[in-house]
Amino acid sequence: MKILICISNVPDTTTKIKFVNNTTFDNAGVQWIINPWDELALTRALDIKDAQPGVIETITVVTVGSQETEPTIRKALAIGADKGIRVNAEPKDTFFVASQLAEIVKKDNYDIVICGIESSDYNGAALGGMLSELLDMPSVSAVSHLDVINGQVQLKREIDGGQETVEAQLPFIGIVQKGIAKEPRIPSMRGIMMAKGKPMEVFEGVGADSFTEFVGFDMPKPKAACKKIDPENVKELVNLLHNEAKVI
């Protein structure tokens, strides 16, 4: 069984976001990481591989981006992925990225393609569905657990009011969310050293349309100062909620 995990190169969640003229993201001094949802997906795949030797043949990670994204791929290899792929193209929008990834999937016989439900920078939550349509491959969304039992892939997914268990026919695309793994794996020193010798292929991007563009960015307004009110002064609290906060 071959697994392909799509990973995004995103700013660390503690990064202070800045823009140039409110039109371009300022990446100076930014610490880049694996998108948290994708890192948890990688962790789950590795857990299955360790628990059931021989079931998973290879775990490959792929990202779309410039050479600056390679340290993120190397981290995934240090965590335990067997192979890395980088598509040498600027990720313009979700459809463009999905088009690049679709070509990578076509190059090998992957049984499972995994995408995080969204990236922590743009939160589009659209890549998995687009990839499924482009490849004419079935997908399962909102996956909170993935396992291989007696050669069958079993998934648990969140639904309104509960959880359902489904079996997936291979190949398919899994769109994973909270619960897929408890916490991401941390690269060991041995893993970091081994990552240097693991293969990483680079493919040039294919021609694809971009249907969206970012015309500007606005920072959220600064939060107002906190007002403290005596717990006995209910009248003043009601007045502020009504006239200033305008929530009642």
C-alpha atoms as a PDB file:
ATOM      1  CA  MET A   1       0.000   0.000   0.000  1.00  0.00           C
ATOM      2  CA  LYS A   2       1.376   3.396  -1.023  1.00  0.00           C
ATOM      3  CA  ILE A   3       0.333   6.584   0.736  1.00  0.00           C
ATOM      4  CA  LEU A   4       0.796  10.127  -0.559  1.00  0.00           C
ATOM      5  CA  ILE A   5       0.403  12.962   1.935  1.00  0.00           C
ATOM      6  CA  CYS A   6      -0.060  16.506   0.642  1.00  0.00           C
ATOM      7  CA  ILE A   7       1.670  18.993   2.930  1.00  0.00           C
ATOM      8  CA  SER A   8       1.581  22.778   2.994  1.00  0.00           C
ATOM      9  CA  ASN A   9       4.452  25.055   3.944  1.00  0.00           C
ATOM     10  CA  VAL A  10       2.874  27.546   6.371  1.00  0.00           C
ATOM     11  CA  PRO A  11       4.068  30.196   8.847  1.00  0.00           C
ATOM     12  CA  ASP A  12       4.476  29.084  12.444  1.00  0.00           C
ATOM     13  CA  THR A  13       1.296  29.853  14.371  1.00  0.00           C
ATOM     14  CA  THR A  14       3.265  32.190  16.674  1.00  0.00           C
ATOM     15  CA  THR A  15       4.496  34.296  13.738  1.00  0.00           C
ATOM     16  CA  LYS A  16       3.632  37.976  13.808  1.00  0.00           C
ATOM     17  CA  ILE A  17       1.948  38.610  10.467  1.00  0.00           C
ATOM     18  CA  LYS A  18       3.025  41.654   8.447  1.00  0.00           C
ATOM     19  CA  PHE A  19       2.190  42.946   4.975  1.00  0.00           C
ATOM     20  CA  VAL A  20       3.936  45.237   2.508  1.00  0.00           C
ATOM     21  CA  ASN A  21       1.584  48.054   1.458  1.00  0.00           C
ATOM     22  CA  ASN A  22      -1.329  45.796   2.455  1.00  0.00           C
ATOM     23  CA  THR A  23      -0.883  43.891  -0.803  1.00  0.00           C
ATOM     24  CA  THR A  24       1.927  41.381  -0.199  1.00  0.00           C
ATOM     25  CA  PHE A  25       2.704  39.070   2.702  1.00  0.00           C
ATOM     26  CA  ASP A  26       6.044  39.982   4.286  1.00  0.00           C
ATOM     27  CA  ASN A  27       7.909  36.699   4.800  1.00  0.00           C
ATOM     28  CA  ALA A  28      11.024  38.295   6.320  1.00  0.00           C
ATOM     29  CA  GLY A  29      11.937  36.491   9.516  1.00  0.00           C
ATOM     30  CA  VAL A  30       9.072  34.016   9.244  1.00  0.00           C
ATOM     31  CA  GLN A  31       9.561  30.518  10.663  1.00  0.00           C
ATOM     32  CA  TRP A  32       7.977  27.991   8.291  1.00  0.00           C
ATOM     33  CA  ILE A  33       6.462  24.699   9.432  1.00  0.00           C
ATOM     34  CA  ILE A  34       4.421  21.759   8.134  1.00  0.00           C
ATOM     35  CA  ASN A  35       0.729  22.608   8.163  1.00  0.00           C
ATOM     36  CA  PRO A  36      -0.520  21.119  11.479  1.00  0.00           C
ATOM     37  CA  TRP A  37      -3.338  19.053   9.902  1.00  0.00           C
ATOM     38  CA  ASP A  38      -0.892  17.558   7.386  1.00  0.00           C
ATOM     39  CA  GLU A  39       1.660  16.780  10.088  1.00  0.00           C
ATOM     40  CA  LEU A  40      -0.979  14.875  12.065  1.00  0.00           C
ATOM     41  CA  ALA A  41      -1.920  12.949   8.908  1.00  0.00           C
ATOM     42  CA  LEU A  42       1.739  11.960   8.493  1.00  0.00           C
ATOM     43  CA  THR A  43       1.859  10.877  12.128  1.00  0.00           C
ATOM     44  CA  ARG A  44      -1.177   8.615  11.686  1.00  0.00           C
ATOM     45  CA  ALA A  45       0.274   7.014   8.564  1.00  0.00           C
ATOM     46  CA  LEU A  46       3.518   6.305  10.422  1.00  0.00           C
ATOM     47  CA  ASP A  47       1.613   4.846  13.386  1.00  0.00           C
ATOM     48  CA  ILE A  48      -0.076   2.346  11.050  1.00  0.00           C
ATOM     49  CA  LYS A  49       3.213   1.513   9.348  1.00  0.00           C
ATOM     50  CA  ASP A  50       4.912   0.840  12.681  1.00  0.00           C
ATOM     51  CA  ALA A  51       2.006  -1.173  14.099  1.00  0.00           C
ATOM     52  CA  GLN A  52       1.508  -3.328  11.016  1.00  0.00           C
ATOM     53  CA  PRO A  53       4.858  -4.001   9.308  1.00  0.00           C
ATOM     54  CA  GLY A  54       4.482  -4.761   5.631  1.00  0.00           C
ATOM     55  CA  VAL A  55       1.027  -3.205   5.226  1.00  0.00           C
ATOM     56  CA  ILE A  56       2.330   0.180   4.066  1.00  0.00           C
ATOM     57  CA  GLU A  57       5.054   0.026   1.443  1.00  0.00           C
ATOM     58  CA  THR A  58       5.951   3.718   1.232  1.00  0.00           C
ATOM     59  CA  ILE A  59       4.829   7.061   2.653  1.00  0.00           C
ATOM     60  CA  THR A  60       5.535   9.985   0.322  1.00  0.00           C
ATOM     61  CA  VAL A  61       5.020  13.672   1.068  1.00  0.00           C
ATOM     62  CA  VAL A  62       4.478  16.313  -1.601  1.00  0.00           C
ATOM     63  CA  THR A  63       4.259  20.087  -1.599  1.00  0.00           C
ATOM     64  CA  VAL A  64       3.952  22.811  -4.204  1.00  0.00           C
ATOM     65  CA  GLY A  65       6.450  25.632  -3.790  1.00  0.00           C
ATOM     66  CA  SER A  66       9.876  27.078  -4.431  1.00  0.00           C
ATOM     67  CA  GLN A  67      13.208  25.773  -3.187  1.00  0.00           C
ATOM     68  CA  GLU A  68      12.598  27.584   0.119  1.00  0.00           C
ATOM     69  CA  THR A  69      10.025  24.911   1.016  1.00  0.00           C
ATOM     70  CA  GLU A  70      12.569  22.089   0.990  1.00  0.00           C
ATOM     71  CA  PRO A  71      13.424  22.349   4.732  1.00  0.00           C
ATOM     72  CA  THR A  72       9.762  21.626   5.440  1.00  0.00           C
ATOM     73  CA  ILE A  73       9.924  18.527   3.246  1.00  0.00           C
ATOM     74  CA  ARG A  74      13.144  17.458   4.970  1.00  0.00           C
ATOM     75  CA  LYS A  75      11.407  17.777   8.342  1.00  0.00           C
ATOM     76  CA  ALA A  76       8.683  15.424   7.105  1.00  0.00           C
ATOM     77  CA  LEU A  77      11.399  12.990   6.022  1.00  0.00           C
ATOM     78  CA  ALA A  78      13.065  13.319   9.439  1.00  0.00           C
ATOM     79  CA  ILE A  79       9.737  12.513  11.107  1.00  0.00           C
ATOM     80  CA  GLY A  80       9.603   9.277   9.114  1.00  0.00           C
ATOM     81  CA  ALA A  81       8.317   9.765   5.552  1.00  0.00           C
ATOM     82  CA  ASP A  82      10.190   7.641   3.000  1.00  0.00           C
ATOM     83  CA  LYS A  83      10.280  10.062   0.095  1.00  0.00           C
ATOM     84  CA  GLY A  84       9.663  13.729  -0.669  1.00  0.00           C
ATOM     85  CA  ILE A  85       8.380  15.464  -3.800  1.00  0.00           C
ATOM     86  CA  ARG A  86       8.444  19.178  -4.547  1.00  0.00           C
ATOM     87  CA  VAL A  87       6.553  20.727  -7.432  1.00  0.00           C
ATOM     88  CA  ASN A  88       8.568  23.744  -8.491  1.00  0.00           C
ATOM     89  CA  ALA A  89       5.777  26.287  -8.832  1.00  0.00           C
ATOM     90  CA  GLU A  90       4.430  29.238  -6.908  1.00  0.00           C
ATOM     91  CA  PRO A  91       1.160  28.176  -5.217  1.00  0.00           C
ATOM     92  CA  LYS A  92      -1.122  30.834  -6.701  1.00  0.00           C
ATOM     93  CA  ASP A  93      -4.493  29.564  -5.513  1.00  0.00           C
ATOM     94  CA  THR A  94      -6.209  26.336  -4.468  1.00  0.00           C
ATOM     95  CA  PHE A  95      -7.209  25.245  -7.969  1.00  0.00           C
ATOM     96  CA  PHE A  96      -3.678  25.812  -9.240  1.00  0.00           C
ATOM     97  CA  VAL A  97      -2.205  23.752  -6.374  1.00  0.00           C
ATOM     98  CA  ALA A  98      -4.768  20.977  -6.850  1.00  0.00           C
ATOM     99  CA  SER A  99      -3.879  20.830 -10.554  1.00  0.00           C
ATOM    100  CA  GLN A 100      -0.190  20.372  -9.722  1.00  0.00           C
ATOM    101  CA  LEU A 101      -0.897  17.671  -7.140  1.00  0.00           C
ATOM    102  CA  ALA A 102      -3.204  15.820  -9.527  1.00  0.00           C
ATOM    103  CA  GLU A 103      -0.302  15.383 -11.938  1.00  0.00           C
ATOM    104  CA  ILE A 104       1.859  13.971  -9.144  1.00  0.00           C
ATOM    105  CA  VAL A 105      -0.824  11.451  -8.169  1.00  0.00           C
ATOM    106  CA  LYS A 106      -1.003  10.288 -11.783  1.00  0.00           C
ATOM    107  CA  LYS A 107       2.730   9.495 -11.801  1.00  0.00           C
ATOM    108  CA  ASP A 108       2.436   6.588  -9.350  1.00  0.00           C
ATOM    109  CA  ASN A 109      -0.134   4.087  -8.137  1.00  0.00           C
ATOM    110  CA  TYR A 110      -0.979   5.595  -4.766  1.00  0.00           C
ATOM    111  CA  ASP A 111      -3.614   3.734  -2.798  1.00  0.00           C
ATOM    112  CA  ILE A 112      -4.390   6.545  -0.377  1.00  0.00           C
ATOM    113  CA  VAL A 113      -3.953  10.285  -0.881  1.00  0.00           C
ATOM    114  CA  ILE A 114      -4.326  12.305   2.315  1.00  0.00           C
ATOM    115  CA  CYS A 115      -4.973  16.044   2.652  1.00  0.00           C
ATOM    116  CA  GLY A 116      -5.449  18.080   5.801  1.00  0.00           C
ATOM    117  CA  ILE A 117      -8.898  19.633   6.037  1.00  0.00           C
ATOM    118  CA  GLU A 118      -7.371  23.110   5.603  1.00  0.00           C
ATOM    119  CA  SER A 119      -4.127  25.042   5.822  1.00  0.00           C
ATOM    120  CA  SER A 120      -3.496  27.219   8.861  1.00  0.00           C
ATOM    121  CA  ASP A 121      -2.683  30.310   6.790  1.00  0.00           C
ATOM    122  CA  TYR A 122      -5.563  30.732   4.300  1.00  0.00           C
ATOM    123  CA  ASN A 123      -8.072  28.212   5.742  1.00  0.00           C
ATOM    124  CA  GLY A 124      -9.619  27.519   2.347  1.00  0.00           C
ATOM    125  CA  ALA A 125     -10.730  23.922   3.102  1.00  0.00           C
ATOM    126  CA  ALA A 126     -11.141  23.234  -0.633  1.00  0.00           C
ATOM    127  CA  LEU A 127      -8.044  21.360  -1.811  1.00  0.00           C
ATOM    128  CA  GLY A 128      -9.177  17.794  -1.091  1.00  0.00           C
ATOM    129  CA  GLY A 129     -12.480  18.212  -2.899  1.00  0.00           C
ATOM    130  CA  MET A 130     -10.855  19.824  -5.918  1.00  0.00           C
ATOM    131  CA  LEU A 131      -8.231  17.091  -6.115  1.00  0.00           C
ATOM    132  CA  SER A 132     -10.955  14.453  -5.989  1.00  0.00           C
ATOM    133  CA  GLU A 133     -12.794  16.054  -8.909  1.00  0.00           C
ATOM    134  CA  LEU A 134      -9.668  16.527 -11.020  1.00  0.00           C
ATOM    135  CA  LEU A 135      -8.689  12.872 -10.565  1.00  0.00           C
ATOM    136  CA  ASP A 136     -12.231  11.461 -10.699  1.00  0.00           C
ATOM    137  CA  MET A 137     -11.303   9.676  -7.475  1.00  0.00           C
ATOM    138  CA  PRO A 138     -13.672   9.130  -4.530  1.00  0.00           C
ATOM    139  CA  SER A 139     -12.996  11.127  -1.395  1.00  0.00           C
ATOM    140  CA  VAL A 140     -14.045  10.900   2.239  1.00  0.00           C
ATOM    141  CA  SER A 141     -14.188  14.143   4.204  1.00  0.00           C
ATOM    142  CA  ALA A 142     -14.146  14.960   7.925  1.00  0.00           C
ATOM    143  CA  VAL A 143     -12.008  11.869   8.667  1.00  0.00           C
ATOM    144  CA  SER A 144     -11.102  11.714  12.356  1.00  0.00           C
ATOM    145  CA  HIS A 145      -9.594   8.203  12.361  1.00  0.00           C
ATOM    146  CA  LEU A 146      -7.941   5.984   9.764  1.00  0.00           C
ATOM    147  CA  ASP A 147      -6.927   2.368  10.180  1.00  0.00           C
ATOM    148  CA  VAL A 148      -6.167  -0.759   8.149  1.00  0.00           C
ATOM    149  CA  ILE A 149      -7.972  -3.864   9.452  1.00  0.00           C
ATOM    150  CA  ASN A 150      -7.525  -7.204   7.699  1.00  0.00           C
ATOM    151  CA  GLY A 151      -6.422  -5.422   4.551  1.00  0.00           C
ATOM    152  CA  GLN A 152      -9.461  -3.098   4.543  1.00  0.00           C
ATOM    153  CA  VAL A 153      -9.185   0.637   5.106  1.00  0.00           C
ATOM    154  CA  GLN A 154     -11.578   1.690   7.838  1.00  0.00           C
ATOM    155  CA  LEU A 155     -12.413   5.326   8.498  1.00  0.00           C
ATOM    156  CA  LYS A 156     -14.321   7.177  11.177  1.00  0.00           C
ATOM    157  CA  ARG A 157     -15.816  10.532  10.319  1.00  0.00           C
ATOM    158  CA  GLU A 158     -17.753  13.160  12.199  1.00  0.00           C
ATOM    159  CA  ILE A 159     -21.389  13.715  11.251  1.00  0.00           C
ATOM    160  CA  ASP A 160     -24.179  15.796  12.768  1.00  0.00           C
ATOM    161  CA  GLY A 161     -24.976  14.306  16.130  1.00  0.00           C
ATOM    162  CA  GLY A 162     -22.372  11.575  16.128  1.00  0.00           C
ATOM    163  CA  GLN A 163     -19.743   9.567  14.290  1.00  0.00           C
ATOM    164  CA  GLU A 164     -19.930   7.006  11.505  1.00  0.00           C
ATOM    165  CA  THR A 165     -17.578   4.211  10.460  1.00  0.00           C
ATOM    166  CA  VAL A 166     -17.052   3.502   6.767  1.00  0.00           C
ATOM    167  CA  GLU A 167     -14.850   1.233   4.672  1.00  0.00           C
ATOM    168  CA  ALA A 168     -13.140   2.815   1.702  1.00  0.00           C
ATOM    169  CA  GLN A 169     -12.317   1.174  -1.610  1.00  0.00           C
ATOM    170  CA  LEU A 170      -8.843   1.901  -2.916  1.00  0.00           C
ATOM    171  CA  PRO A 171      -7.690   4.258  -4.271  1.00  0.00           C
ATOM    172  CA  PHE A 172      -9.328   7.187  -2.510  1.00  0.00           C
ATOM    173  CA  ILE A 173      -8.626  10.630  -1.068  1.00  0.00           C
ATOM    174  CA  GLY A 174      -8.944  11.135   2.673  1.00  0.00           C
ATOM    175  CA  ILE A 175      -9.536  14.642   4.020  1.00  0.00           C
ATOM    176  CA  VAL A 176      -8.533  14.518   7.671  1.00  0.00           C
ATOM    177  CA  GLN A 177      -9.394  16.697  10.632  1.00  0.00           C
ATOM    178  CA  LYS A 178      -9.185  16.791  14.422  1.00  0.00           C
ATOM    179  CA  GLY A 179      -8.668  13.373  16.005  1.00  0.00           C
ATOM    180  CA  ILE A 180      -6.642  11.773  13.205  1.00  0.00           C
ATOM    181  CA  ALA A 181      -3.678  11.673  15.636  1.00  0.00           C
ATOM    182  CA  LYS A 182      -3.223  12.828  19.208  1.00  0.00           C
ATOM    183  CA  GLU A 183      -0.074  14.884  18.609  1.00  0.00           C
ATOM    184  CA  PRO A 184       2.580  15.173  15.890  1.00  0.00           C
ATOM    185  CA  ARG A 185       5.784  13.195  16.047  1.00  0.00           C
ATOM    186  CA  ILE A 186       9.006  15.007  16.869  1.00  0.00           C
ATOM    187  CA  PRO A 187      12.012  14.202  14.659  1.00  0.00           C
ATOM    188  CA  SER A 188      14.719  12.262  16.451  1.00  0.00           C
ATOM    189  CA  MET A 189      18.409  12.891  15.900  1.00  0.00           C
ATOM    190  CA  ARG A 190      18.615   9.592  14.012  1.00  0.00           C
ATOM    191  CA  GLY A 191      15.655  10.627  11.878  1.00  0.00           C
ATOM    192  CA  ILE A 192      17.265  13.972  11.081  1.00  0.00           C
ATOM    193  CA  MET A 193      20.472  12.268   9.964  1.00  0.00           C
ATOM    194  CA  MET A 194      18.598   9.682   7.883  1.00  0.00           C
ATOM    195  CA  ALA A 195      16.527  12.385   6.189  1.00  0.00           C
ATOM    196  CA  LYS A 196      19.632  13.698   4.451  1.00  0.00           C
ATOM    197  CA  GLY A 197      19.910  10.471   2.477  1.00  0.00           C
ATOM    198  CA  LYS A 198      16.246  10.018   1.621  1.00  0.00           C
ATOM    199  CA  PRO A 199      15.156  10.769  -1.948  1.00  0.00           C
ATOM    200  CA  MET A 200      13.496  14.048  -2.839  1.00  0.00           C
ATOM    201  CA  GLU A 201      12.322  14.580  -6.398  1.00  0.00           C
ATOM    202  CA  VAL A 202      11.596  17.927  -8.000  1.00  0.00           C
ATOM    203  CA  PHE A 203       9.094  18.279 -10.836  1.00  0.00           C
ATOM    204  CA  GLU A 204       8.348  21.398 -12.802  1.00  0.00           C
ATOM    205  CA  GLY A 205       4.811  22.685 -12.467  1.00  0.00           C
ATOM    206  CA  VAL A 206       2.270  22.179 -15.220  1.00  0.00           C
ATOM    207  CA  GLY A 207       0.232  24.873 -16.866  1.00  0.00           C
ATOM    208  CA  ALA A 208      -2.951  25.577 -14.929  1.00  0.00           C
ATOM    209  CA  ASP A 209      -5.345  28.470 -14.551  1.00  0.00           C
ATOM    210  CA  SER A 210      -5.703  30.578 -11.424  1.00  0.00           C
ATOM    211  CA  PHE A 211      -9.255  31.707 -10.836  1.00  0.00           C
ATOM    212  CA  THR A 212      -8.673  33.848  -7.757  1.00  0.00           C
ATOM    213  CA  GLU A 213      -6.208  36.511  -6.669  1.00  0.00           C
ATOM    214  CA  PHE A 214      -5.540  38.474  -3.522  1.00  0.00           C
ATOM    215  CA  VAL A 215      -6.013  42.185  -4.105  1.00  0.00           C
ATOM    216  CA  GLY A 216      -5.363  43.350  -0.558  1.00  0.00           C
ATOM    217  CA  PHE A 217      -4.984  42.439   3.092  1.00  0.00           C
ATOM    218  CA  ASP A 218      -6.343  44.208   6.167  1.00  0.00           C
ATOM    219  CA  MET A 219      -5.164  43.629   9.694  1.00  0.00           C
ATOM    220  CA  PRO A 220      -7.883  43.187  12.330  1.00  0.00           C
ATOM    221  CA  LYS A 221      -8.683  46.281  14.348  1.00  0.00           C
ATOM    222  CA  PRO A 222      -6.884  46.518  17.713  1.00  0.00           C
ATOM    223  CA  LYS A 223      -8.940  45.230  20.601  1.00  0.00           C
ATOM    224  CA  ALA A 224     -10.457  47.879  22.825  1.00  0.00           C
ATOM    225  CA  ALA A 225      -9.213  48.244  26.375  1.00  0.00           C
ATOM    226  CA  CYS A 226     -10.915  46.017  28.889  1.00  0.00           C
ATOM    227  CA  LYS A 227     -13.398  47.730  31.175  1.00  0.00           C
ATOM    228  CA  LYS A 228     -13.876  46.419  34.685  1.00  0.00           C
ATOM    229  CA  ILE A 229     -17.212  46.849  36.371  1.00  0.00           C
ATOM    230  CA  ASP A 230     -18.179  46.264  39.963  1.00  0.00           C
ATOM    231  CA  PRO A 231     -20.151  42.990  40.075  1.00  0.00           C
ATOM    232  CA  GLU A 232     -22.871  44.780  42.015  1.00  0.00           C
ATOM    233  CA  ASN A 233     -23.278  47.484  39.355  1.00  0.00           C
ATOM    234  CA  VAL A 234     -25.598  45.551  37.046  1.00  0.00           C
ATOM    235  CA  LYS A 235     -27.149  48.737  35.649  1.00  0.00           C
ATOM    236  CA  GLU A 236     -23.798  49.950  34.312  1.00  0.00           C
ATOM    237  CA  LEU A 237     -23.071  46.541  32.762  1.00  0.00           C
ATOM    238  CA  VAL A 238     -26.402  46.529  30.955  1.00  0.00           C
ATOM    239  CA  ASN A 239     -25.806  50.093  29.761  1.00  0.00           C
ATOM    240  CA  LEU A 240     -22.391  49.219  28.271  1.00  0.00           C
ATOM    241  CA  LEU A 241     -23.670  46.055  26.610  1.00  0.00           C
ATOM    242  CA  HIS A 242     -26.559  47.965  25.097  1.00  0.00           C
ATOM    243  CA  ASN A 243     -24.959  51.274  24.071  1.00  0.00           C
ATOM    244  CA  GLU A 244     -21.302  50.398  23.418  1.00  0.00           C
ATOM    245  CA  ALA A 245     -21.054  46.698  22.628  1.00  0.00           C
ATOM    246  CA  LYS A 246     -24.556  46.744  21.091  1.00  0.00           C
ATOM    247  CA  VAL A 247     -25.128  43.080  21.835  1.00  0.00           C
ATOM    248  CA  ILE A 248     -28.437  43.522  23.654  1.00  0.00           C
END
